[in-house]
Amino acid sequence: MHNKMKYKRILLKLSGESLAGSLQYGIEVERLEDYAKEIASVYKLGTQIAIVLGGGNIFRGFQNNTTKIDRVQGDYMGMLATVINSLGLQAVLKNMNIPSVVMGGIAIDPLCEKISRERAFRELETGRVLIISGGTGNPFFTTDSAAALRAVEIKADAILKGTRVDGVYSADPEKDPNAVKYDKVSFSEALEKQLRIMDQTAFTLCRENNLPIIVFNVNQKGNVKRIVEGEQVGTLIF
């Protein structure tokens, strides 16, 4: 095991929107390759890696729904979108000779099997990247909640939540020039200040299980490796 690692097992959460890159929707292959390189950099250290991808680049749900499709059906469509993204990431990792397996909250034979904790541990310990698709497998939960649930389930040391900004701010830094960035913030402080980090369900799961969250800019090359090696990058919620 590499001696410089602070986190030996991580769960990396990436939004579907980030996979679209400069496109409005779909997968920008260059962006997917960039993320795969970030994953490769920590894989080579011996880090055990699980990944949860959102699906917003393919399907955004029916929040402003004028159609007659209900929330449950919409959520299942979103789960399928995460499977598409997961298969895309698996293909790119394969080109880099990094073995991975796609498991899911839903089973789609022969693409991804239903996740079981024992099998997940086995895959991680034999050196495969674990790509977890299909959310929690239930409607009414976001992929943030799925990431929190899976991270707790596989006993990850931390969740790395990749975003477009370099951490958690007192206000939206893209809108408010006076927004202040936090380097570290406790779960109770984050609640008190009503900081938007993950949705409430995901946040509560992390808090109750003492699972640290690191919010960081995933588009800055090398950040994932810096975090795993213990550098202060982004914002640590603990």
C-alpha atoms as a PDB file:
ATOM      1  CA  MET A   1       0.000   0.000   0.000  1.00  0.00           C
ATOM      2  CA  HIS A   2       1.289   3.465  -0.853  1.00  0.00           C
ATOM      3  CA  ASN A   3       2.500   5.250   2.258  1.00  0.00           C
ATOM      4  CA  LYS A   4       1.406   8.755   1.227  1.00  0.00           C
ATOM      5  CA  MET A   5      -2.288   8.014   1.149  1.00  0.00           C
ATOM      6  CA  LYS A   6      -4.620   9.717   3.576  1.00  0.00           C
ATOM      7  CA  TYR A   7      -7.714   7.988   2.165  1.00  0.00           C
ATOM      8  CA  LYS A   8      -7.381   4.326   1.264  1.00  0.00           C
ATOM      9  CA  ARG A   9     -10.943   3.854   0.010  1.00  0.00           C
ATOM     10  CA  ILE A  10     -12.904   6.700  -1.554  1.00  0.00           C
ATOM     11  CA  LEU A  11     -16.251   7.217  -3.164  1.00  0.00           C
ATOM     12  CA  LEU A  12     -16.085   9.758  -5.979  1.00  0.00           C
ATOM     13  CA  LYS A  13     -19.388  11.457  -6.852  1.00  0.00           C
ATOM     14  CA  LEU A  14     -19.637  13.177 -10.234  1.00  0.00           C
ATOM     15  CA  SER A  15     -22.694  14.944 -11.580  1.00  0.00           C
ATOM     16  CA  GLY A  16     -24.129  13.920 -14.912  1.00  0.00           C
ATOM     17  CA  GLU A  17     -24.058  17.558 -16.061  1.00  0.00           C
ATOM     18  CA  SER A  18     -20.278  17.655 -15.645  1.00  0.00           C
ATOM     19  CA  LEU A  19     -19.956  14.781 -18.152  1.00  0.00           C
ATOM     20  CA  ALA A  20     -21.652  16.894 -20.814  1.00  0.00           C
ATOM     21  CA  GLY A  21     -18.668  19.273 -20.732  1.00  0.00           C
ATOM     22  CA  SER A  22     -19.250  22.007 -23.287  1.00  0.00           C
ATOM     23  CA  LEU A  23     -22.234  20.183 -24.804  1.00  0.00           C
ATOM     24  CA  GLN A  24     -25.761  20.907 -23.653  1.00  0.00           C
ATOM     25  CA  TYR A  25     -26.466  17.241 -23.083  1.00  0.00           C
ATOM     26  CA  GLY A  26     -24.940  13.834 -23.746  1.00  0.00           C
ATOM     27  CA  ILE A  27     -21.363  12.784 -22.991  1.00  0.00           C
ATOM     28  CA  GLU A  28     -18.333  14.803 -24.061  1.00  0.00           C
ATOM     29  CA  VAL A  29     -15.720  12.088 -24.537  1.00  0.00           C
ATOM     30  CA  GLU A  30     -12.783  14.409 -23.735  1.00  0.00           C
ATOM     31  CA  ARG A  31     -14.351  15.266 -20.389  1.00  0.00           C
ATOM     32  CA  LEU A  32     -14.929  11.590 -19.614  1.00  0.00           C
ATOM     33  CA  GLU A  33     -11.282  10.894 -20.492  1.00  0.00           C
ATOM     34  CA  ASP A  34     -10.134  13.703 -18.175  1.00  0.00           C
ATOM     35  CA  TYR A  35     -12.095  12.147 -15.313  1.00  0.00           C
ATOM     36  CA  ALA A  36     -10.737   8.697 -16.136  1.00  0.00           C
ATOM     37  CA  LYS A  37      -7.184  10.115 -15.920  1.00  0.00           C
ATOM     38  CA  GLU A  38      -7.970  11.553 -12.486  1.00  0.00           C
ATOM     39  CA  ILE A  39      -9.230   8.117 -11.422  1.00  0.00           C
ATOM     40  CA  ALA A  40      -6.146   6.438 -12.942  1.00  0.00           C
ATOM     41  CA  SER A  41      -3.805   8.729 -10.974  1.00  0.00           C
ATOM     42  CA  VAL A  42      -5.158   7.485  -7.623  1.00  0.00           C
ATOM     43  CA  TYR A  43      -5.716   3.932  -8.825  1.00  0.00           C
ATOM     44  CA  LYS A  44      -1.954   3.727  -9.385  1.00  0.00           C
ATOM     45  CA  LEU A  45      -1.384   4.718  -5.744  1.00  0.00           C
ATOM     46  CA  GLY A  46      -3.350   1.646  -4.677  1.00  0.00           C
ATOM     47  CA  THR A  47      -6.455   3.557  -3.604  1.00  0.00           C
ATOM     48  CA  GLN A  48      -9.699   1.602  -3.675  1.00  0.00           C
ATOM     49  CA  ILE A  49     -12.201   3.602  -5.718  1.00  0.00           C
ATOM     50  CA  ALA A  50     -15.976   3.533  -6.033  1.00  0.00           C
ATOM     51  CA  ILE A  51     -17.730   5.991  -8.337  1.00  0.00           C
ATOM     52  CA  VAL A  52     -21.317   7.223  -8.487  1.00  0.00           C
ATOM     53  CA  LEU A  53     -22.320   9.229 -11.558  1.00  0.00           C
ATOM     54  CA  GLY A  54     -25.445  11.342 -11.887  1.00  0.00           C
ATOM     55  CA  GLY A  55     -27.615  11.226 -14.996  1.00  0.00           C
ATOM     56  CA  GLY A  56     -28.576  14.858 -15.561  1.00  0.00           C
ATOM     57  CA  ASN A  57     -26.689  15.088 -18.859  1.00  0.00           C
ATOM     58  CA  ILE A  58     -29.097  12.554 -20.358  1.00  0.00           C
ATOM     59  CA  PHE A  59     -32.299  12.970 -18.401  1.00  0.00           C
ATOM     60  CA  ARG A  60     -33.268  15.738 -16.002  1.00  0.00           C
ATOM     61  CA  GLY A  61     -36.451  14.344 -14.502  1.00  0.00           C
ATOM     62  CA  PHE A  62     -39.867  15.942 -14.568  1.00  0.00           C
ATOM     63  CA  GLN A  63     -39.521  18.732 -12.029  1.00  0.00           C
ATOM     64  CA  ASN A  64     -41.403  21.240 -14.189  1.00  0.00           C
ATOM     65  CA  ASN A  65     -43.681  18.549 -15.398  1.00  0.00           C
ATOM     66  CA  THR A  66     -46.520  19.380 -17.713  1.00  0.00           C
ATOM     67  CA  THR A  67     -46.602  15.860 -19.168  1.00  0.00           C
ATOM     68  CA  LYS A  68     -48.581  13.059 -17.601  1.00  0.00           C
ATOM     69  CA  ILE A  69     -45.469  11.093 -16.639  1.00  0.00           C
ATOM     70  CA  ASP A  70     -45.273  10.741 -12.872  1.00  0.00           C
ATOM     71  CA  ARG A  71     -42.311  11.249 -10.563  1.00  0.00           C
ATOM     72  CA  VAL A  72     -41.718   7.537 -10.027  1.00  0.00           C
ATOM     73  CA  GLN A  73     -41.484   6.814 -13.748  1.00  0.00           C
ATOM     74  CA  GLY A  74     -39.271   9.881 -14.205  1.00  0.00           C
ATOM     75  CA  ASP A  75     -36.913   8.713 -11.462  1.00  0.00           C
ATOM     76  CA  TYR A  76     -36.567   5.288 -13.077  1.00  0.00           C
ATOM     77  CA  MET A  77     -35.701   7.007 -16.359  1.00  0.00           C
ATOM     78  CA  GLY A  78     -33.029   8.949 -14.463  1.00  0.00           C
ATOM     79  CA  MET A  79     -31.625   5.698 -13.062  1.00  0.00           C
ATOM     80  CA  LEU A  80     -31.226   4.343 -16.598  1.00  0.00           C
ATOM     81  CA  ALA A  81     -29.361   7.536 -17.535  1.00  0.00           C
ATOM     82  CA  THR A  82     -26.806   6.798 -14.787  1.00  0.00           C
ATOM     83  CA  VAL A  83     -26.309   3.303 -16.242  1.00  0.00           C
ATOM     84  CA  ILE A  84     -25.482   4.836 -19.649  1.00  0.00           C
ATOM     85  CA  ASN A  85     -22.905   7.152 -18.037  1.00  0.00           C
ATOM     86  CA  SER A  86     -21.428   4.286 -16.014  1.00  0.00           C
ATOM     87  CA  LEU A  87     -20.961   2.108 -19.095  1.00  0.00           C
ATOM     88  CA  GLY A  88     -19.271   5.051 -20.838  1.00  0.00           C
ATOM     89  CA  LEU A  89     -16.812   5.485 -17.972  1.00  0.00           C
ATOM     90  CA  GLN A  90     -16.134   1.746 -17.878  1.00  0.00           C
ATOM     91  CA  ALA A  91     -15.277   1.782 -21.603  1.00  0.00           C
ATOM     92  CA  VAL A  92     -12.814   4.672 -21.180  1.00  0.00           C
ATOM     93  CA  LEU A  93     -11.162   3.049 -18.141  1.00  0.00           C
ATOM     94  CA  LYS A  94     -10.811  -0.183 -20.124  1.00  0.00           C
ATOM     95  CA  ASN A  95      -8.874   1.713 -22.810  1.00  0.00           C
ATOM     96  CA  MET A  96      -6.478   2.765 -20.027  1.00  0.00           C
ATOM     97  CA  ASN A  97      -6.116  -0.844 -18.832  1.00  0.00           C
ATOM     98  CA  ILE A  98      -7.896  -0.119 -15.571  1.00  0.00           C
ATOM     99  CA  PRO A  99     -10.222  -2.976 -14.621  1.00  0.00           C
ATOM    100  CA  SER A 100     -13.674  -1.942 -13.436  1.00  0.00           C
ATOM    101  CA  VAL A 101     -17.057  -3.433 -12.751  1.00  0.00           C
ATOM    102  CA  VAL A 102     -20.490  -1.807 -13.055  1.00  0.00           C
ATOM    103  CA  MET A 103     -22.970  -2.682 -10.334  1.00  0.00           C
ATOM    104  CA  GLY A 104     -26.251  -1.018  -9.640  1.00  0.00           C
ATOM    105  CA  GLY A 105     -29.220  -0.264  -7.462  1.00  0.00           C
ATOM    106  CA  ILE A 106     -31.036  -1.987 -10.316  1.00  0.00           C
ATOM    107  CA  ALA A 107     -29.827  -5.081 -12.162  1.00  0.00           C
ATOM    108  CA  ILE A 108     -29.718  -5.002 -15.962  1.00  0.00           C
ATOM    109  CA  ASP A 109     -28.453  -8.297 -17.256  1.00  0.00           C
ATOM    110  CA  PRO A 110     -25.795  -8.457 -18.790  1.00  0.00           C
ATOM    111  CA  LEU A 111     -24.717  -4.828 -18.232  1.00  0.00           C
ATOM    112  CA  CYS A 112     -24.747  -4.440 -14.476  1.00  0.00           C
ATOM    113  CA  GLU A 113     -25.601  -6.724 -11.640  1.00  0.00           C
ATOM    114  CA  LYS A 114     -27.462  -5.725  -8.498  1.00  0.00           C
ATOM    115  CA  ILE A 115     -24.976  -4.444  -5.948  1.00  0.00           C
ATOM    116  CA  SER A 116     -24.246  -6.620  -2.943  1.00  0.00           C
ATOM    117  CA  ARG A 117     -21.961  -5.422  -0.205  1.00  0.00           C
ATOM    118  CA  GLU A 118     -19.891  -8.623  -0.087  1.00  0.00           C
ATOM    119  CA  ARG A 119     -19.300  -8.561  -3.838  1.00  0.00           C
ATOM    120  CA  ALA A 120     -18.479  -4.840  -3.710  1.00  0.00           C
ATOM    121  CA  PHE A 121     -15.806  -5.455  -1.055  1.00  0.00           C
ATOM    122  CA  ARG A 122     -14.380  -8.317  -3.076  1.00  0.00           C
ATOM    123  CA  GLU A 123     -14.128  -6.236  -6.267  1.00  0.00           C
ATOM    124  CA  LEU A 124     -12.465  -3.323  -4.454  1.00  0.00           C
ATOM    125  CA  GLU A 125     -10.002  -5.580  -2.675  1.00  0.00           C
ATOM    126  CA  THR A 126      -9.001  -7.369  -5.873  1.00  0.00           C
ATOM    127  CA  GLY A 127      -8.159  -4.018  -7.442  1.00  0.00           C
ATOM    128  CA  ARG A 128     -11.161  -3.181  -9.567  1.00  0.00           C
ATOM    129  CA  VAL A 129     -12.748   0.238  -9.777  1.00  0.00           C
ATOM    130  CA  LEU A 130     -16.363  -0.089  -8.667  1.00  0.00           C
ATOM    131  CA  ILE A 131     -18.814   1.969 -10.750  1.00  0.00           C
ATOM    132  CA  ILE A 132     -22.190   2.096  -9.026  1.00  0.00           C
ATOM    133  CA  SER A 133     -25.149   2.997 -11.241  1.00  0.00           C
ATOM    134  CA  GLY A 134     -28.905   3.095 -10.830  1.00  0.00           C
ATOM    135  CA  GLY A 135     -29.025   5.335  -7.768  1.00  0.00           C
ATOM    136  CA  THR A 136     -30.417   3.651  -4.664  1.00  0.00           C
ATOM    137  CA  GLY A 137     -32.675   1.561  -6.896  1.00  0.00           C
ATOM    138  CA  ASN A 138     -35.679   3.432  -5.488  1.00  0.00           C
ATOM    139  CA  PRO A 139     -37.543   6.501  -6.701  1.00  0.00           C
ATOM    140  CA  PHE A 140     -37.545   9.718  -4.620  1.00  0.00           C
ATOM    141  CA  PHE A 141     -33.788   9.552  -3.930  1.00  0.00           C
ATOM    142  CA  THR A 142     -31.114  11.594  -5.680  1.00  0.00           C
ATOM    143  CA  THR A 143     -27.745  10.298  -6.847  1.00  0.00           C
ATOM    144  CA  ASP A 144     -26.227  12.305  -3.944  1.00  0.00           C
ATOM    145  CA  SER A 145     -28.236  10.118  -1.591  1.00  0.00           C
ATOM    146  CA  ALA A 146     -27.101   7.054  -3.514  1.00  0.00           C
ATOM    147  CA  ALA A 147     -23.474   8.187  -3.163  1.00  0.00           C
ATOM    148  CA  ALA A 148     -23.868   8.665   0.597  1.00  0.00           C
ATOM    149  CA  LEU A 149     -25.624   5.313   1.002  1.00  0.00           C
ATOM    150  CA  ARG A 150     -23.017   3.401  -1.034  1.00  0.00           C
ATOM    151  CA  ALA A 151     -20.107   5.142   0.699  1.00  0.00           C
ATOM    152  CA  VAL A 152     -21.456   4.116   4.102  1.00  0.00           C
ATOM    153  CA  GLU A 153     -22.170   0.606   2.815  1.00  0.00           C
ATOM    154  CA  ILE A 154     -18.643   0.013   1.479  1.00  0.00           C
ATOM    155  CA  LYS A 155     -17.019   1.744   4.492  1.00  0.00           C
ATOM    156  CA  ALA A 156     -15.372   4.462   2.397  1.00  0.00           C
ATOM    157  CA  ASP A 157     -13.005   6.823   4.219  1.00  0.00           C
ATOM    158  CA  ALA A 158     -14.556   9.855   2.508  1.00  0.00           C
ATOM    159  CA  ILE A 159     -16.890  11.050  -0.239  1.00  0.00           C
ATOM    160  CA  LEU A 160     -15.202  13.237  -2.832  1.00  0.00           C
ATOM    161  CA  LYS A 161     -17.899  15.356  -4.421  1.00  0.00           C
ATOM    162  CA  GLY A 162     -16.625  16.817  -7.680  1.00  0.00           C
ATOM    163  CA  THR A 163     -18.219  20.129  -8.694  1.00  0.00           C
ATOM    164  CA  ARG A 164     -17.538  23.135 -10.936  1.00  0.00           C
ATOM    165  CA  VAL A 165     -16.468  25.319  -8.007  1.00  0.00           C
ATOM    166  CA  ASP A 166     -13.478  24.835  -5.723  1.00  0.00           C
ATOM    167  CA  GLY A 167     -15.372  24.203  -2.504  1.00  0.00           C
ATOM    168  CA  VAL A 168     -18.240  25.339  -0.301  1.00  0.00           C
ATOM    169  CA  TYR A 169     -18.968  29.064  -0.056  1.00  0.00           C
ATOM    170  CA  SER A 170     -21.153  31.235   2.161  1.00  0.00           C
ATOM    171  CA  ALA A 171     -23.169  32.074  -0.989  1.00  0.00           C
ATOM    172  CA  ASP A 172     -23.111  31.060  -4.667  1.00  0.00           C
ATOM    173  CA  PRO A 173     -19.660  32.256  -5.844  1.00  0.00           C
ATOM    174  CA  GLU A 174     -20.885  32.334  -9.440  1.00  0.00           C
ATOM    175  CA  LYS A 175     -23.478  34.962  -8.438  1.00  0.00           C
ATOM    176  CA  ASP A 176     -22.091  36.709  -5.360  1.00  0.00           C
ATOM    177  CA  PRO A 177     -18.568  38.237  -5.581  1.00  0.00           C
ATOM    178  CA  ASN A 178     -18.429  38.563  -1.774  1.00  0.00           C
ATOM    179  CA  ALA A 179     -18.998  34.850  -1.146  1.00  0.00           C
ATOM    180  CA  VAL A 180     -16.468  33.452   1.340  1.00  0.00           C
ATOM    181  CA  LYS A 181     -14.936  29.999   0.874  1.00  0.00           C
ATOM    182  CA  TYR A 182     -14.705  27.586   3.779  1.00  0.00           C
ATOM    183  CA  ASP A 183     -11.669  25.290   4.072  1.00  0.00           C
ATOM    184  CA  LYS A 184     -13.312  23.185   6.765  1.00  0.00           C
ATOM    185  CA  VAL A 185     -16.800  23.164   8.181  1.00  0.00           C
ATOM    186  CA  SER A 186     -18.444  20.809  10.668  1.00  0.00           C
ATOM    187  CA  PHE A 187     -21.723  19.063   9.866  1.00  0.00           C
ATOM    188  CA  SER A 188     -23.564  21.085  12.523  1.00  0.00           C
ATOM    189  CA  GLU A 189     -22.114  24.390  11.266  1.00  0.00           C
ATOM    190  CA  ALA A 190     -23.107  23.490   7.715  1.00  0.00           C
ATOM    191  CA  LEU A 191     -26.670  22.840   8.891  1.00  0.00           C
ATOM    192  CA  GLU A 192     -26.768  26.023  10.956  1.00  0.00           C
ATOM    193  CA  LYS A 193     -25.523  28.159   8.055  1.00  0.00           C
ATOM    194  CA  GLN A 194     -27.811  26.272   5.647  1.00  0.00           C
ATOM    195  CA  LEU A 195     -24.921  25.578   3.276  1.00  0.00           C
ATOM    196  CA  ARG A 196     -25.965  23.699   0.166  1.00  0.00           C
ATOM    197  CA  ILE A 197     -23.610  20.742   0.007  1.00  0.00           C
ATOM    198  CA  MET A 198     -25.754  17.727  -0.789  1.00  0.00           C
ATOM    199  CA  ASP A 199     -29.446  17.177  -0.442  1.00  0.00           C
ATOM    200  CA  GLN A 200     -30.751  16.741   3.108  1.00  0.00           C
ATOM    201  CA  THR A 201     -31.065  12.939   2.948  1.00  0.00           C
ATOM    202  CA  ALA A 202     -27.489  12.481   1.725  1.00  0.00           C
ATOM    203  CA  PHE A 203     -26.133  14.996   4.217  1.00  0.00           C
ATOM    204  CA  THR A 204     -27.927  13.313   7.146  1.00  0.00           C
ATOM    205  CA  LEU A 205     -26.589   9.886   6.160  1.00  0.00           C
ATOM    206  CA  CYS A 206     -23.023  11.237   6.115  1.00  0.00           C
ATOM    207  CA  ARG A 207     -23.458  13.079   9.399  1.00  0.00           C
ATOM    208  CA  GLU A 208     -24.952  10.099  11.251  1.00  0.00           C
ATOM    209  CA  ASN A 209     -22.146   7.834  10.043  1.00  0.00           C
ATOM    210  CA  ASN A 210     -19.287  10.329  10.564  1.00  0.00           C
ATOM    211  CA  LEU A 211     -18.406  10.149   6.891  1.00  0.00           C
ATOM    212  CA  PRO A 212     -16.391  13.184   5.769  1.00  0.00           C
ATOM    213  CA  ILE A 213     -17.357  14.922   2.520  1.00  0.00           C
ATOM    214  CA  ILE A 214     -14.809  16.822   0.434  1.00  0.00           C
ATOM    215  CA  VAL A 215     -16.287  19.256  -2.078  1.00  0.00           C
ATOM    216  CA  PHE A 216     -13.763  20.226  -4.745  1.00  0.00           C
ATOM    217  CA  ASN A 217     -13.323  21.402  -8.328  1.00  0.00           C
ATOM    218  CA  VAL A 218     -13.119  18.219 -10.379  1.00  0.00           C
ATOM    219  CA  ASN A 219     -12.093  20.079 -13.546  1.00  0.00           C
ATOM    220  CA  GLN A 220      -8.778  21.132 -12.014  1.00  0.00           C
ATOM    221  CA  LYS A 221      -6.338  18.414 -13.068  1.00  0.00           C
ATOM    222  CA  GLY A 222      -4.620  16.531 -10.251  1.00  0.00           C
ATOM    223  CA  ASN A 223      -7.111  17.461  -7.522  1.00  0.00           C
ATOM    224  CA  VAL A 224      -8.268  13.902  -6.807  1.00  0.00           C
ATOM    225  CA  LYS A 225      -4.675  12.760  -6.247  1.00  0.00           C
ATOM    226  CA  ARG A 226      -3.930  15.777  -4.043  1.00  0.00           C
ATOM    227  CA  ILE A 227      -6.930  14.993  -1.847  1.00  0.00           C
ATOM    228  CA  VAL A 228      -6.049  11.312  -1.513  1.00  0.00           C
ATOM    229  CA  GLU A 229      -2.492  12.271  -0.509  1.00  0.00           C
ATOM    230  CA  GLY A 230      -3.868  14.536   2.216  1.00  0.00           C
ATOM    231  CA  GLU A 231      -3.484  18.008   0.730  1.00  0.00           C
ATOM    232  CA  GLN A 232      -6.045  20.672   1.666  1.00  0.00           C
ATOM    233  CA  VAL A 233      -8.145  20.955  -1.492  1.00  0.00           C
ATOM    234  CA  GLY A 234     -11.673  22.321  -1.659  1.00  0.00           C
ATOM    235  CA  THR A 235     -13.784  22.144   1.505  1.00  0.00           C
ATOM    236  CA  LEU A 236     -13.790  19.373   4.104  1.00  0.00           C
ATOM    237  CA  ILE A 237     -17.104  18.751   5.868  1.00  0.00           C
ATOM    238  CA  PHE A 238     -16.540  16.619   8.949  1.00  0.00           C
END
